[in-house]
Amino acid sequence: MAISAQLIKELREKTGAGMMDCKKVLVETDGNIDKAIDLLREKGLASAEKKASRIASEGLVASYIHSGRIGVLVEVNSETDFVAKTDEFKDFVKDIAMQVAASNPEYLCEEDVPQEAIDKEKEVLIQQALNEGKPQNIAEKMVEGRMHKFYERVCLLDQPFIKDPSITVNDLLKDKIAKIGENIKIRRFVRYEVGEGLEKREEDFAAEVAKQMGK
């Protein structure tokens, strides 16, 4: 089918991909823009995988303070100082800092979660399944699926991106790698909350940040 310039423009605005790439995937998907977006993402992910082994030792440390109650520092690395100075990279780092403030992850990725914490969570989930009346063997199988929710809660890269919950932070990262053309790594983060660890009245500041981000 003939692909209109307007459709190509729309896809480009939604994805940031080049005009020729947009036209090519629209032809491949018979003009279905949703499928074209998925295809561009798949191609971008493949590109990101190739860049993942390259050294990223430049980058930025950024901060985010929410209402004087939650503070976050994040370090995100790029391959070159040139990319680290671009608005797109700066915006990405800021988004990551706000994600940490809102979603309060404990770890960067699944590989960082201590085995002790994994075993403890599995034990809790198995007991929950047994309490639901499931046999032991079924309960153990159910745990594997339910662990996804655990990682989604505690691992930054597995969390739904707060500005677009249809993708994860890892999806966003790989899209940025494909678009910017350099390896990018979220290296570390730290989050502080006023009164954390002290007895205080119940206030969900993280939910407040998430609500504001959703506007």
N, C-alpha and C. Protein backbone atom coordinates (compact mmCIF):
# COMPACT_ATOMS: atom_id res chain seq x y z
N MET A 1 0.83 -1.19 0.00
CA MET A 1 0.00 0.00 0.00
C MET A 1 0.88 1.26 0.00
N ALA A 2 0.30 2.36 -0.50
CA ALA A 2 1.03 3.63 -0.51
C ALA A 2 1.05 4.21 0.90
N ILE A 3 2.21 4.65 1.33
CA ILE A 3 2.37 5.23 2.66
C ILE A 3 2.43 6.75 2.54
N SER A 4 1.50 7.44 3.19
CA SER A 4 1.43 8.89 3.07
C SER A 4 2.52 9.56 3.90
N ALA A 5 2.88 10.75 3.48
CA ALA A 5 3.88 11.54 4.21
C ALA A 5 3.38 11.88 5.61
N GLN A 6 2.07 12.07 5.73
CA GLN A 6 1.49 12.40 7.04
C GLN A 6 1.66 11.24 8.02
N LEU A 7 1.47 10.01 7.53
CA LEU A 7 1.63 8.83 8.39
C LEU A 7 3.09 8.67 8.82
N ILE A 8 3.99 8.91 7.88
CA ILE A 8 5.43 8.83 8.20
C ILE A 8 5.78 9.89 9.25
N LYS A 9 5.25 11.09 9.07
CA LYS A 9 5.51 12.17 10.02
C LYS A 9 4.98 11.83 11.40
N GLU A 10 3.78 11.25 11.44
CA GLU A 10 3.18 10.87 12.72
C GLU A 10 4.03 9.84 13.46
N LEU A 11 4.50 8.84 12.70
CA LEU A 11 5.34 7.80 13.31
C LEU A 11 6.66 8.39 13.78
N ARG A 12 7.22 9.28 13.00
CA ARG A 12 8.49 9.90 13.38
C ARG A 12 8.34 10.72 14.66
N GLU A 13 7.24 11.45 14.77
CA GLU A 13 7.00 12.27 15.96
C GLU A 13 6.81 11.41 17.20
N LYS A 14 6.21 10.23 17.02
CA LYS A 14 5.96 9.34 18.15
C LYS A 14 7.21 8.59 18.59
N THR A 15 8.13 8.35 17.67
CA THR A 15 9.27 7.49 17.98
C THR A 15 10.63 8.17 17.93
N GLY A 16 10.71 9.28 17.19
CA GLY A 16 12.00 9.93 17.02
C GLY A 16 12.90 9.23 16.01
N ALA A 17 12.38 8.21 15.34
CA ALA A 17 13.18 7.48 14.35
C ALA A 17 13.31 8.30 13.06
N GLY A 18 14.27 7.92 12.22
CA GLY A 18 14.49 8.63 10.97
C GLY A 18 13.37 8.40 9.97
N MET A 19 13.26 9.33 9.01
CA MET A 19 12.17 9.26 8.02
C MET A 19 12.20 7.96 7.22
N MET A 20 13.39 7.57 6.76
CA MET A 20 13.49 6.36 5.96
C MET A 20 13.15 5.11 6.77
N ASP A 21 13.59 5.08 8.02
CA ASP A 21 13.26 3.94 8.88
C ASP A 21 11.75 3.87 9.11
N CYS A 22 11.13 5.03 9.33
CA CYS A 22 9.68 5.07 9.54
C CYS A 22 8.93 4.56 8.30
N LYS A 23 9.36 5.02 7.14
CA LYS A 23 8.71 4.59 5.90
C LYS A 23 8.85 3.09 5.71
N LYS A 24 10.06 2.57 5.99
CA LYS A 24 10.34 1.15 5.78
C LYS A 24 9.45 0.26 6.65
N VAL A 25 9.32 0.61 7.94
CA VAL A 25 8.51 -0.24 8.83
C VAL A 25 7.02 -0.09 8.56
N LEU A 26 6.62 1.08 8.09
CA LEU A 26 5.21 1.27 7.73
C LEU A 26 4.84 0.42 6.51
N VAL A 27 5.77 0.31 5.58
CA VAL A 27 5.56 -0.56 4.42
C VAL A 27 5.47 -2.01 4.88
N GLU A 28 6.38 -2.40 5.80
CA GLU A 28 6.40 -3.78 6.29
C GLU A 28 5.14 -4.15 7.07
N THR A 29 4.51 -3.14 7.69
CA THR A 29 3.33 -3.40 8.52
C THR A 29 2.03 -2.94 7.86
N ASP A 30 2.11 -2.67 6.56
CA ASP A 30 0.93 -2.24 5.79
C ASP A 30 0.25 -1.02 6.40
N GLY A 31 1.07 -0.10 6.91
CA GLY A 31 0.53 1.16 7.41
C GLY A 31 -0.04 1.10 8.81
N ASN A 32 0.13 -0.03 9.50
CA ASN A 32 -0.38 -0.14 10.87
C ASN A 32 0.63 0.53 11.80
N ILE A 33 0.27 1.69 12.33
CA ILE A 33 1.24 2.49 13.08
C ILE A 33 1.64 1.84 14.40
N ASP A 34 0.71 1.14 15.05
CA ASP A 34 1.04 0.47 16.32
C ASP A 34 2.06 -0.65 16.09
N LYS A 35 1.83 -1.44 15.04
CA LYS A 35 2.77 -2.51 14.71
C LYS A 35 4.11 -1.91 14.28
N ALA A 36 4.05 -0.77 13.59
CA ALA A 36 5.28 -0.11 13.14
C ALA A 36 6.11 0.36 14.33
N ILE A 37 5.44 0.89 15.36
CA ILE A 37 6.14 1.32 16.57
C ILE A 37 6.82 0.14 17.23
N ASP A 38 6.09 -0.99 17.32
CA ASP A 38 6.67 -2.20 17.91
C ASP A 38 7.88 -2.67 17.10
N LEU A 39 7.76 -2.62 15.79
CA LEU A 39 8.85 -3.08 14.93
C LEU A 39 10.07 -2.18 15.07
N LEU A 40 9.85 -0.87 15.15
CA LEU A 40 10.96 0.06 15.36
C LEU A 40 11.64 -0.20 16.69
N ARG A 41 10.82 -0.49 17.70
CA ARG A 41 11.38 -0.77 19.02
C ARG A 41 12.23 -2.05 18.98
N GLU A 42 11.72 -3.07 18.27
CA GLU A 42 12.48 -4.32 18.15
C GLU A 42 13.82 -4.07 17.45
N LYS A 43 13.78 -3.28 16.40
CA LYS A 43 15.01 -2.97 15.68
C LYS A 43 15.95 -2.14 16.56
N GLY A 44 15.35 -1.25 17.34
CA GLY A 44 16.14 -0.42 18.23
C GLY A 44 16.76 -1.24 19.34
N LEU A 45 16.01 -2.20 19.85
CA LEU A 45 16.53 -3.05 20.91
C LEU A 45 17.72 -3.86 20.40
N ALA A 46 17.62 -4.35 19.18
CA ALA A 46 18.74 -5.10 18.61
C ALA A 46 19.97 -4.22 18.51
N SER A 47 19.75 -2.97 18.11
CA SER A 47 20.85 -2.03 18.02
C SER A 47 21.43 -1.75 19.39
N ALA A 48 20.56 -1.62 20.39
CA ALA A 48 21.01 -1.35 21.75
C ALA A 48 21.85 -2.50 22.29
N GLU A 49 21.46 -3.73 21.96
CA GLU A 49 22.21 -4.89 22.45
C GLU A 49 23.65 -4.83 21.96
N LYS A 50 23.86 -4.42 20.70
CA LYS A 50 25.20 -4.36 20.14
C LYS A 50 26.04 -3.31 20.84
N LYS A 51 25.40 -2.22 21.31
CA LYS A 51 26.14 -1.14 21.94
C LYS A 51 26.41 -1.40 23.41
N ALA A 52 25.74 -2.40 23.99
CA ALA A 52 25.79 -2.61 25.43
C ALA A 52 27.18 -2.99 25.94
N SER A 53 28.04 -3.53 25.06
CA SER A 53 29.37 -3.94 25.50
C SER A 53 30.38 -2.81 25.43
N ARG A 54 29.98 -1.67 24.88
CA ARG A 54 30.93 -0.56 24.74
C ARG A 54 31.06 0.18 26.06
N ILE A 55 32.25 0.70 26.31
CA ILE A 55 32.55 1.36 27.58
C ILE A 55 31.81 2.70 27.68
N ALA A 56 31.13 2.90 28.80
CA ALA A 56 30.44 4.16 29.07
C ALA A 56 30.98 4.71 30.38
N SER A 57 31.89 5.69 30.29
CA SER A 57 32.52 6.21 31.50
C SER A 57 32.34 7.71 31.67
N GLU A 58 31.62 8.33 30.72
CA GLU A 58 31.24 9.74 30.88
C GLU A 58 29.82 9.76 31.47
N GLY A 59 29.16 10.89 31.43
CA GLY A 59 27.78 10.93 31.90
C GLY A 59 27.51 12.05 32.88
N LEU A 60 26.47 11.86 33.67
CA LEU A 60 26.02 12.90 34.60
C LEU A 60 25.61 12.31 35.94
N VAL A 61 25.79 13.11 36.98
CA VAL A 61 25.15 12.86 38.26
C VAL A 61 24.08 13.93 38.40
N ALA A 62 22.85 13.53 38.63
CA ALA A 62 21.75 14.49 38.73
C ALA A 62 20.99 14.28 40.04
N SER A 63 20.32 15.33 40.47
CA SER A 63 19.54 15.26 41.70
C SER A 63 18.10 15.64 41.44
N TYR A 64 17.23 15.15 42.28
CA TYR A 64 15.82 15.53 42.22
C TYR A 64 15.31 15.63 43.66
N ILE A 65 14.71 16.75 43.99
CA ILE A 65 14.15 16.97 45.32
C ILE A 65 12.65 17.19 45.18
N HIS A 66 11.87 16.42 45.91
CA HIS A 66 10.42 16.55 45.85
C HIS A 66 9.90 17.14 47.17
N SER A 67 9.42 18.38 47.08
CA SER A 67 8.77 19.05 48.22
C SER A 67 9.62 19.06 49.49
N GLY A 68 10.93 18.98 49.32
CA GLY A 68 11.81 18.97 50.48
C GLY A 68 11.68 17.74 51.34
N ARG A 69 10.97 16.72 50.84
CA ARG A 69 10.71 15.51 51.62
C ARG A 69 11.45 14.29 51.09
N ILE A 70 11.61 14.23 49.77
CA ILE A 70 12.31 13.11 49.13
C ILE A 70 13.45 13.67 48.29
N GLY A 71 14.62 13.11 48.42
CA GLY A 71 15.77 13.53 47.62
C GLY A 71 16.42 12.33 46.96
N VAL A 72 16.82 12.51 45.70
CA VAL A 72 17.42 11.42 44.93
C VAL A 72 18.68 11.92 44.22
N LEU A 73 19.71 11.07 44.22
CA LEU A 73 20.90 11.28 43.39
C LEU A 73 21.03 10.07 42.47
N VAL A 74 21.28 10.31 41.19
CA VAL A 74 21.50 9.21 40.25
C VAL A 74 22.73 9.49 39.41
N GLU A 75 23.43 8.43 39.03
CA GLU A 75 24.54 8.53 38.08
C GLU A 75 24.17 7.71 36.85
N VAL A 76 24.18 8.38 35.70
CA VAL A 76 23.91 7.71 34.43
C VAL A 76 25.11 7.96 33.52
N ASN A 77 25.64 6.91 32.94
CA ASN A 77 26.85 7.02 32.12
C ASN A 77 26.57 6.95 30.63
N SER A 78 27.39 7.67 29.88
CA SER A 78 27.36 7.63 28.41
C SER A 78 28.79 7.37 27.94
N GLU A 79 28.95 7.18 26.64
CA GLU A 79 30.28 6.93 26.10
C GLU A 79 31.10 8.21 25.96
N THR A 80 30.41 9.32 25.66
CA THR A 80 31.12 10.58 25.41
C THR A 80 30.53 11.72 26.22
N ASP A 81 31.37 12.69 26.49
CA ASP A 81 30.93 13.90 27.19
C ASP A 81 29.97 14.70 26.32
N PHE A 82 30.14 14.60 25.01
CA PHE A 82 29.26 15.32 24.08
C PHE A 82 27.81 14.91 24.28
N VAL A 83 27.56 13.60 24.33
CA VAL A 83 26.20 13.11 24.53
C VAL A 83 25.69 13.50 25.91
N ALA A 84 26.56 13.44 26.92
CA ALA A 84 26.15 13.76 28.29
C ALA A 84 25.64 15.19 28.41
N LYS A 85 26.06 16.05 27.49
CA LYS A 85 25.68 17.46 27.54
C LYS A 85 24.42 17.77 26.74
N THR A 86 23.89 16.78 26.03
CA THR A 86 22.70 17.03 25.22
C THR A 86 21.45 17.10 26.08
N ASP A 87 20.47 17.84 25.61
CA ASP A 87 19.21 17.98 26.36
C ASP A 87 18.50 16.64 26.51
N GLU A 88 18.56 15.83 25.46
CA GLU A 88 17.86 14.54 25.52
C GLU A 88 18.44 13.65 26.62
N PHE A 89 19.77 13.62 26.73
CA PHE A 89 20.40 12.82 27.78
C PHE A 89 20.06 13.38 29.16
N LYS A 90 20.14 14.70 29.29
CA LYS A 90 19.82 15.34 30.58
C LYS A 90 18.38 15.05 31.00
N ASP A 91 17.47 15.11 30.03
CA ASP A 91 16.06 14.83 30.33
C ASP A 91 15.88 13.38 30.77
N PHE A 92 16.61 12.47 30.13
CA PHE A 92 16.54 11.06 30.49
C PHE A 92 17.02 10.85 31.93
N VAL A 93 18.14 11.47 32.27
CA VAL A 93 18.68 11.33 33.63
C VAL A 93 17.68 11.88 34.66
N LYS A 94 17.07 13.01 34.32
CA LYS A 94 16.07 13.59 35.22
C LYS A 94 14.88 12.66 35.40
N ASP A 95 14.44 12.04 34.30
CA ASP A 95 13.33 11.09 34.38
C ASP A 95 13.67 9.92 35.30
N ILE A 96 14.92 9.46 35.22
CA ILE A 96 15.34 8.34 36.07
C ILE A 96 15.33 8.76 37.54
N ALA A 97 15.80 9.98 37.81
CA ALA A 97 15.79 10.47 39.19
C ALA A 97 14.37 10.57 39.73
N MET A 98 13.45 11.04 38.90
CA MET A 98 12.06 11.15 39.33
C MET A 98 11.42 9.77 39.50
N GLN A 99 11.82 8.82 38.66
CA GLN A 99 11.33 7.45 38.77
C GLN A 99 11.74 6.87 40.12
N VAL A 100 12.99 7.08 40.51
CA VAL A 100 13.48 6.58 41.79
C VAL A 100 12.72 7.23 42.94
N ALA A 101 12.47 8.52 42.83
CA ALA A 101 11.73 9.22 43.88
C ALA A 101 10.32 8.67 44.03
N ALA A 102 9.66 8.41 42.91
CA ALA A 102 8.27 7.98 42.94
C ALA A 102 8.09 6.51 43.28
N SER A 103 8.98 5.66 42.74
CA SER A 103 8.76 4.21 42.85
C SER A 103 9.64 3.52 43.88
N ASN A 104 10.62 4.22 44.41
CA ASN A 104 11.42 3.74 45.52
C ASN A 104 11.99 2.33 45.30
N PRO A 105 12.73 2.11 44.20
CA PRO A 105 13.34 0.79 43.99
C PRO A 105 14.47 0.55 44.98
N GLU A 106 14.70 -0.71 45.29
CA GLU A 106 15.79 -1.06 46.20
C GLU A 106 17.06 -1.45 45.44
N TYR A 107 16.88 -1.94 44.22
CA TYR A 107 18.03 -2.42 43.44
C TYR A 107 17.91 -1.90 42.01
N LEU A 108 19.03 -1.96 41.29
CA LEU A 108 19.01 -1.54 39.89
C LEU A 108 18.37 -2.61 39.01
N CYS A 109 18.77 -3.87 39.18
CA CYS A 109 18.30 -4.95 38.32
C CYS A 109 18.19 -6.25 39.11
N GLU A 110 17.64 -7.27 38.48
CA GLU A 110 17.42 -8.56 39.15
C GLU A 110 18.73 -9.17 39.65
N GLU A 111 19.81 -8.97 38.89
CA GLU A 111 21.10 -9.55 39.28
C GLU A 111 21.62 -8.96 40.59
N ASP A 112 21.13 -7.78 40.96
CA ASP A 112 21.60 -7.13 42.19
C ASP A 112 20.85 -7.58 43.44
N VAL A 113 19.74 -8.29 43.25
CA VAL A 113 18.94 -8.70 44.40
C VAL A 113 19.64 -9.85 45.13
N PRO A 114 19.91 -9.72 46.43
CA PRO A 114 20.58 -10.80 47.17
C PRO A 114 19.76 -12.08 47.17
N GLN A 115 20.43 -13.21 47.11
CA GLN A 115 19.74 -14.50 47.09
C GLN A 115 18.87 -14.66 48.33
N GLU A 116 19.32 -14.13 49.44
CA GLU A 116 18.55 -14.21 50.68
C GLU A 116 17.18 -13.56 50.53
N ALA A 117 17.15 -12.39 49.86
CA ALA A 117 15.90 -11.68 49.66
C ALA A 117 14.99 -12.45 48.70
N ILE A 118 15.59 -13.07 47.68
CA ILE A 118 14.82 -13.87 46.72
C ILE A 118 14.19 -15.07 47.42
N ASP A 119 15.00 -15.77 48.22
CA ASP A 119 14.51 -16.96 48.92
C ASP A 119 13.38 -16.60 49.89
N LYS A 120 13.53 -15.48 50.57
CA LYS A 120 12.52 -15.04 51.52
C LYS A 120 11.20 -14.74 50.81
N GLU A 121 11.28 -14.05 49.67
CA GLU A 121 10.08 -13.70 48.92
C GLU A 121 9.39 -14.96 48.39
N LYS A 122 10.19 -15.91 47.89
CA LYS A 122 9.62 -17.15 47.39
C LYS A 122 8.90 -17.92 48.51
N GLU A 123 9.48 -17.91 49.68
CA GLU A 123 8.87 -18.59 50.82
C GLU A 123 7.51 -17.98 51.16
N VAL A 124 7.46 -16.65 51.13
CA VAL A 124 6.19 -15.96 51.40
C VAL A 124 5.16 -16.29 50.33
N LEU A 125 5.57 -16.28 49.07
CA LEU A 125 4.64 -16.53 47.96
C LEU A 125 4.13 -17.97 47.98
N ILE A 126 5.01 -18.91 48.31
CA ILE A 126 4.58 -20.31 48.40
C ILE A 126 3.54 -20.46 49.51
N GLN A 127 3.78 -19.81 50.63
CA GLN A 127 2.83 -19.90 51.74
C GLN A 127 1.49 -19.28 51.37
N GLN A 128 1.53 -18.18 50.63
CA GLN A 128 0.29 -17.55 50.17
C GLN A 128 -0.50 -18.51 49.28
N ALA A 129 0.20 -19.18 48.36
CA ALA A 129 -0.46 -20.12 47.46
C ALA A 129 -1.03 -21.31 48.23
N LEU A 130 -0.30 -21.79 49.23
CA LEU A 130 -0.80 -22.89 50.07
C LEU A 130 -2.03 -22.45 50.83
N ASN A 131 -2.03 -21.22 51.31
CA ASN A 131 -3.19 -20.68 52.02
C ASN A 131 -4.41 -20.55 51.11
N GLU A 132 -4.14 -20.46 49.80
CA GLU A 132 -5.23 -20.39 48.82
C GLU A 132 -5.76 -21.78 48.49
N GLY A 133 -5.15 -22.79 49.09
CA GLY A 133 -5.61 -24.16 48.87
C GLY A 133 -4.90 -24.90 47.76
N LYS A 134 -3.81 -24.33 47.25
CA LYS A 134 -3.08 -24.97 46.17
C LYS A 134 -2.16 -26.06 46.73
N PRO A 135 -2.00 -27.18 46.02
CA PRO A 135 -1.04 -28.22 46.43
C PRO A 135 0.38 -27.68 46.38
N GLN A 136 1.28 -28.33 47.10
CA GLN A 136 2.67 -27.86 47.20
C GLN A 136 3.32 -27.71 45.83
N ASN A 137 3.16 -28.73 44.96
CA ASN A 137 3.83 -28.67 43.66
C ASN A 137 3.29 -27.54 42.78
N ILE A 138 1.98 -27.30 42.87
CA ILE A 138 1.37 -26.20 42.11
C ILE A 138 1.81 -24.86 42.69
N ALA A 139 1.86 -24.79 44.01
CA ALA A 139 2.27 -23.56 44.69
C ALA A 139 3.68 -23.15 44.26
N GLU A 140 4.57 -24.14 44.17
CA GLU A 140 5.95 -23.84 43.78
C GLU A 140 6.04 -23.35 42.33
N LYS A 141 5.19 -23.89 41.46
CA LYS A 141 5.18 -23.44 40.07
C LYS A 141 4.60 -22.03 39.95
N MET A 142 3.60 -21.73 40.77
CA MET A 142 2.97 -20.41 40.73
C MET A 142 3.95 -19.31 41.15
N VAL A 143 4.88 -19.67 42.01
CA VAL A 143 5.82 -18.69 42.54
C VAL A 143 6.64 -18.04 41.43
N GLU A 144 7.05 -18.82 40.45
CA GLU A 144 7.89 -18.29 39.39
C GLU A 144 7.22 -17.12 38.68
N GLY A 145 5.92 -17.29 38.41
CA GLY A 145 5.18 -16.20 37.76
C GLY A 145 5.01 -15.00 38.67
N ARG A 146 4.78 -15.25 39.94
CA ARG A 146 4.55 -14.16 40.88
C ARG A 146 5.83 -13.41 41.23
N MET A 147 6.97 -14.02 41.02
CA MET A 147 8.23 -13.33 41.28
C MET A 147 8.42 -12.13 40.36
N HIS A 148 7.76 -12.17 39.21
CA HIS A 148 7.84 -11.03 38.28
C HIS A 148 7.36 -9.76 38.97
N LYS A 149 6.29 -9.86 39.73
CA LYS A 149 5.76 -8.71 40.46
C LYS A 149 6.75 -8.21 41.51
N PHE A 150 7.43 -9.14 42.13
CA PHE A 150 8.44 -8.78 43.13
C PHE A 150 9.56 -7.97 42.49
N TYR A 151 10.10 -8.47 41.37
CA TYR A 151 11.17 -7.76 40.69
C TYR A 151 10.69 -6.40 40.17
N GLU A 152 9.46 -6.37 39.72
CA GLU A 152 8.87 -5.13 39.22
C GLU A 152 8.80 -4.08 40.33
N ARG A 153 8.61 -4.54 41.54
CA ARG A 153 8.51 -3.63 42.68
C ARG A 153 9.87 -3.14 43.16
N VAL A 154 10.86 -4.04 43.21
CA VAL A 154 12.12 -3.69 43.87
C VAL A 154 13.25 -3.32 42.91
N CYS A 155 13.12 -3.63 41.61
CA CYS A 155 14.22 -3.39 40.66
C CYS A 155 13.87 -2.23 39.72
N LEU A 156 14.71 -1.23 39.69
CA LEU A 156 14.46 -0.04 38.87
C LEU A 156 14.19 -0.39 37.42
N LEU A 157 15.05 -1.22 36.82
CA LEU A 157 14.91 -1.51 35.38
C LEU A 157 13.65 -2.28 35.05
N ASP A 158 13.08 -3.01 36.02
CA ASP A 158 11.86 -3.79 35.78
C ASP A 158 10.59 -2.99 36.02
N GLN A 159 10.72 -1.81 36.60
CA GLN A 159 9.52 -1.03 36.95
C GLN A 159 8.87 -0.42 35.72
N PRO A 160 7.53 -0.31 35.71
CA PRO A 160 6.87 0.45 34.65
C PRO A 160 7.34 1.90 34.71
N PHE A 161 7.64 2.48 33.56
CA PHE A 161 8.09 3.87 33.52
C PHE A 161 6.94 4.76 33.95
N ILE A 162 7.21 5.65 34.87
CA ILE A 162 6.15 6.41 35.50
C ILE A 162 5.41 7.34 34.54
N LYS A 163 6.07 7.78 33.47
CA LYS A 163 5.41 8.64 32.49
C LYS A 163 4.67 7.85 31.42
N ASP A 164 4.98 6.57 31.30
CA ASP A 164 4.33 5.70 30.31
C ASP A 164 4.40 4.26 30.81
N PRO A 165 3.44 3.85 31.65
CA PRO A 165 3.48 2.51 32.26
C PRO A 165 3.40 1.35 31.28
N SER A 166 3.19 1.64 29.99
CA SER A 166 3.14 0.55 29.02
C SER A 166 4.54 0.03 28.70
N ILE A 167 5.57 0.76 29.12
CA ILE A 167 6.95 0.30 28.93
C ILE A 167 7.66 0.27 30.28
N THR A 168 8.74 -0.50 30.37
CA THR A 168 9.54 -0.52 31.58
C THR A 168 10.68 0.49 31.47
N VAL A 169 11.34 0.74 32.59
CA VAL A 169 12.50 1.63 32.57
C VAL A 169 13.58 1.05 31.65
N ASN A 170 13.71 -0.27 31.64
CA ASN A 170 14.69 -0.91 30.75
C ASN A 170 14.34 -0.70 29.29
N ASP A 171 13.04 -0.75 28.95
CA ASP A 171 12.61 -0.45 27.58
C ASP A 171 13.01 0.98 27.21
N LEU A 172 12.75 1.90 28.13
CA LEU A 172 13.08 3.30 27.89
C LEU A 172 14.59 3.46 27.68
N LEU A 173 15.38 2.80 28.52
CA LEU A 173 16.83 2.87 28.40
C LEU A 173 17.29 2.39 27.04
N LYS A 174 16.78 1.25 26.58
CA LYS A 174 17.21 0.69 25.30
C LYS A 174 16.75 1.55 24.14
N ASP A 175 15.56 2.16 24.27
CA ASP A 175 15.11 3.08 23.23
C ASP A 175 16.05 4.28 23.12
N LYS A 176 16.52 4.77 24.27
CA LYS A 176 17.43 5.92 24.27
C LYS A 176 18.78 5.53 23.66
N ILE A 177 19.25 4.33 23.96
CA ILE A 177 20.51 3.85 23.38
C ILE A 177 20.40 3.82 21.86
N ALA A 178 19.26 3.29 21.37
CA ALA A 178 19.07 3.19 19.92
C ALA A 178 18.96 4.57 19.28
N LYS A 179 18.28 5.48 19.96
CA LYS A 179 18.04 6.81 19.39
C LYS A 179 19.30 7.68 19.45
N ILE A 180 20.00 7.66 20.59
CA ILE A 180 21.18 8.51 20.77
C ILE A 180 22.40 7.93 20.05
N GLY A 181 22.46 6.59 19.98
CA GLY A 181 23.55 5.94 19.25
C GLY A 181 24.78 5.65 20.08
N GLU A 182 24.65 5.74 21.41
CA GLU A 182 25.75 5.39 22.30
C GLU A 182 25.25 4.44 23.38
N ASN A 183 26.17 3.70 23.97
CA ASN A 183 25.81 2.89 25.13
C ASN A 183 25.52 3.82 26.30
N ILE A 184 24.46 3.53 27.02
CA ILE A 184 24.06 4.31 28.19
C ILE A 184 23.81 3.33 29.32
N LYS A 185 24.33 3.64 30.49
CA LYS A 185 24.14 2.76 31.65
C LYS A 185 23.67 3.57 32.85
N ILE A 186 22.61 3.08 33.49
CA ILE A 186 22.23 3.64 34.78
C ILE A 186 23.12 2.94 35.80
N ARG A 187 24.05 3.68 36.40
CA ARG A 187 25.06 3.02 37.22
C ARG A 187 24.62 2.84 38.66
N ARG A 188 24.09 3.89 39.28
CA ARG A 188 23.73 3.79 40.69
C ARG A 188 22.80 4.93 41.08
N PHE A 189 22.15 4.75 42.20
CA PHE A 189 21.24 5.78 42.71
C PHE A 189 21.12 5.64 44.22
N VAL A 190 20.71 6.74 44.84
CA VAL A 190 20.43 6.72 46.27
C VAL A 190 19.22 7.61 46.52
N ARG A 191 18.37 7.19 47.43
CA ARG A 191 17.12 7.90 47.71
C ARG A 191 17.01 8.15 49.21
N TYR A 192 16.67 9.39 49.56
CA TYR A 192 16.47 9.75 50.95
C TYR A 192 15.05 10.25 51.13
N GLU A 193 14.46 9.90 52.26
CA GLU A 193 13.13 10.40 52.59
C GLU A 193 13.16 10.90 54.03
N VAL A 194 12.61 12.09 54.24
CA VAL A 194 12.62 12.69 55.57
C VAL A 194 11.99 11.75 56.59
N GLY A 195 12.70 11.53 57.68
CA GLY A 195 12.18 10.69 58.75
C GLY A 195 12.23 9.21 58.48
N GLU A 196 12.89 8.82 57.39
CA GLU A 196 12.96 7.40 57.03
C GLU A 196 13.60 6.60 58.17
N GLY A 197 12.93 5.55 58.58
CA GLY A 197 13.45 4.72 59.67
C GLY A 197 13.04 5.19 61.05
N LEU A 198 12.38 6.35 61.10
CA LEU A 198 11.90 6.88 62.37
C LEU A 198 10.40 6.68 62.48
N GLU A 199 9.91 6.64 63.70
CA GLU A 199 8.46 6.52 63.90
C GLU A 199 7.81 7.84 63.51
N LYS A 200 6.78 7.78 62.70
CA LYS A 200 6.11 8.99 62.22
C LYS A 200 4.72 8.64 61.74
N ARG A 201 3.94 9.67 61.47
CA ARG A 201 2.60 9.42 60.96
C ARG A 201 2.70 8.90 59.53
N GLU A 202 1.70 8.16 59.13
CA GLU A 202 1.73 7.48 57.83
C GLU A 202 1.51 8.48 56.70
N GLU A 203 2.49 8.66 55.83
CA GLU A 203 2.38 9.51 54.66
C GLU A 203 3.08 8.82 53.50
N ASP A 204 2.41 8.74 52.38
CA ASP A 204 2.98 8.06 51.22
C ASP A 204 3.49 9.11 50.25
N PHE A 205 4.71 9.59 50.50
CA PHE A 205 5.28 10.62 49.63
C PHE A 205 5.55 10.09 48.24
N ALA A 206 5.91 8.81 48.15
CA ALA A 206 6.19 8.23 46.83
C ALA A 206 4.93 8.28 45.96
N ALA A 207 3.78 7.98 46.56
CA ALA A 207 2.52 8.03 45.82
C ALA A 207 2.22 9.46 45.37
N GLU A 208 2.60 10.42 46.20
CA GLU A 208 2.38 11.82 45.85
C GLU A 208 3.21 12.22 44.64
N VAL A 209 4.48 11.78 44.63
CA VAL A 209 5.34 12.05 43.47
C VAL A 209 4.75 11.40 42.21
N ALA A 210 4.34 10.13 42.34
CA ALA A 210 3.80 9.41 41.20
C ALA A 210 2.56 10.10 40.66
N LYS A 211 1.72 10.62 41.57
CA LYS A 211 0.49 11.29 41.15
C LYS A 211 0.81 12.54 40.37
N GLN A 212 1.79 13.31 40.84
CA GLN A 212 2.18 14.52 40.13
C GLN A 212 2.79 14.21 38.77
N MET A 213 3.58 13.13 38.71
CA MET A 213 4.20 12.75 37.45
C MET A 213 3.17 12.30 36.44
N GLY A 214 2.06 11.78 36.93
CA GLY A 214 1.02 11.28 36.04
C GLY A 214 0.19 12.36 35.40
N LYS A 215 0.35 13.59 35.88
CA LYS A 215 -0.45 14.69 35.32
C LYS A 215 0.01 15.03 33.91
